[in-house]
Each structure stands twice: as structure tokens, then as C-alpha cells.
Amino acid sequence: MLYALERAGRMQLIANSADGKQLSVLHEAAMEAGAYQLVWDTNALQPGMYYLTLLLDGQPVVKKAVKVGR
């Protein structure tokens, strides 16, 4: 998964199920502005829709992710 931060700050990347239930915090750290890549192990997840929320200093950006198969 690729993502970019427009500015430096405290970042959290959170995975949620389609019904909004928090599944896990994928990454949490103080980060500099720039482009990043994260490997998200989805082996334990069923196929379906998930949401990824990136919080930068508490301000959310939500993206949809779809797992198609195992």
C-alpha cells in the first residue's frame, strides 16, 4: 500500500471493517512529509470491503480497500 503525507506530523494508519469496526492500527509514528509504502498482511481477512483511515495530527483521510480473494 502506498500513501503520501503532505506535511510532517503524528500519523496513524487504521484498518476498519465495512461496518466501521476497528480491526487494527497498521502503523503509528511521527513522520516527515513524503511518500511511503506499507505491507498490509490481509491473509486473516475474508474477501470484502474494508476502510483505511489515515490520521495526520488527528485529521482523517478515509480510503476504501477491497480484498478480492485469499
Protein backbone atom coordinates (compact mmCIF):
# COMPACT_ATOMS: atom_id res chain seq x y z
CA MET A 1 0.00 0.00 0.00
CA LEU A 2 1.35 3.40 -0.97
CA TYR A 3 0.49 6.63 0.82
CA ALA A 4 1.84 10.15 0.98
CA LEU A 5 1.95 12.75 3.73
CA GLU A 6 1.75 16.36 2.61
CA ARG A 7 3.34 17.57 5.83
CA ALA A 8 5.16 16.21 8.87
CA GLY A 9 3.14 15.14 11.88
CA ARG A 10 1.84 12.35 14.09
CA MET A 11 0.41 9.67 11.79
CA GLN A 12 -1.83 6.68 12.44
CA LEU A 13 -2.98 4.23 9.77
CA ILE A 14 -6.04 2.26 10.91
CA ALA A 15 -7.85 -0.64 9.22
CA ASN A 16 -11.62 -0.88 9.72
CA SER A 17 -14.23 -3.40 8.60
CA ALA A 18 -17.06 -2.34 6.28
CA ASP A 19 -19.32 -1.86 9.33
CA GLY A 20 -16.83 0.56 10.91
CA LYS A 21 -15.30 -1.81 13.49
CA GLN A 22 -11.60 -1.08 14.07
CA LEU A 23 -9.53 -4.12 13.11
CA SER A 24 -6.01 -2.90 13.80
CA VAL A 25 -3.61 0.01 13.86
CA LEU A 26 -1.28 -0.77 10.95
CA HIS A 27 1.26 1.95 11.70
CA GLU A 28 1.67 4.77 14.18
CA ALA A 29 4.61 7.17 14.33
CA ALA A 30 5.85 10.73 13.99
CA MET A 31 6.55 11.02 10.25
CA GLU A 32 8.11 13.51 7.88
CA ALA A 33 6.33 14.65 4.72
CA GLY A 34 6.88 12.28 1.82
CA ALA A 35 5.80 9.08 0.11
CA TYR A 36 5.71 5.78 1.99
CA GLN A 37 4.92 2.14 1.39
CA LEU A 38 3.45 -0.30 3.91
CA VAL A 39 2.83 -4.01 3.51
CA TRP A 40 -0.61 -4.89 4.93
CA ASP A 41 -0.95 -8.62 5.66
CA THR A 42 -4.57 -9.43 4.80
CA ASN A 43 -4.24 -13.24 5.00
CA ALA A 44 -6.53 -13.45 8.05
CA LEU A 45 -9.24 -11.27 6.44
CA GLN A 46 -12.22 -12.54 4.50
CA PRO A 47 -12.78 -11.17 0.99
CA GLY A 48 -14.82 -7.96 1.14
CA MET A 49 -14.66 -4.23 1.63
CA TYR A 50 -12.51 -2.52 4.24
CA TYR A 51 -11.69 1.08 5.06
CA LEU A 52 -8.27 2.53 5.75
CA THR A 53 -8.15 5.69 7.81
CA LEU A 54 -5.00 7.78 7.83
CA LEU A 55 -4.94 10.28 10.67
CA LEU A 56 -2.40 13.07 10.46
CA ASP A 57 -2.39 15.06 13.69
CA GLY A 58 -5.94 13.82 14.28
CA GLN A 59 -7.31 14.88 10.88
CA PRO A 60 -8.74 11.87 8.99
CA VAL A 61 -8.42 10.79 5.38
CA VAL A 62 -10.51 7.66 4.67
CA LYS A 63 -9.96 5.34 1.71
CA LYS A 64 -11.84 2.24 0.65
CA ALA A 65 -9.97 -1.06 0.12
CA VAL A 66 -11.42 -4.24 -1.37
CA LYS A 67 -9.98 -7.71 -0.80
CA VAL A 68 -10.98 -9.95 -3.67
CA GLY A 69 -9.54 -13.34 -2.73
CA ARG A 70 -7.28 -15.23 -0.35
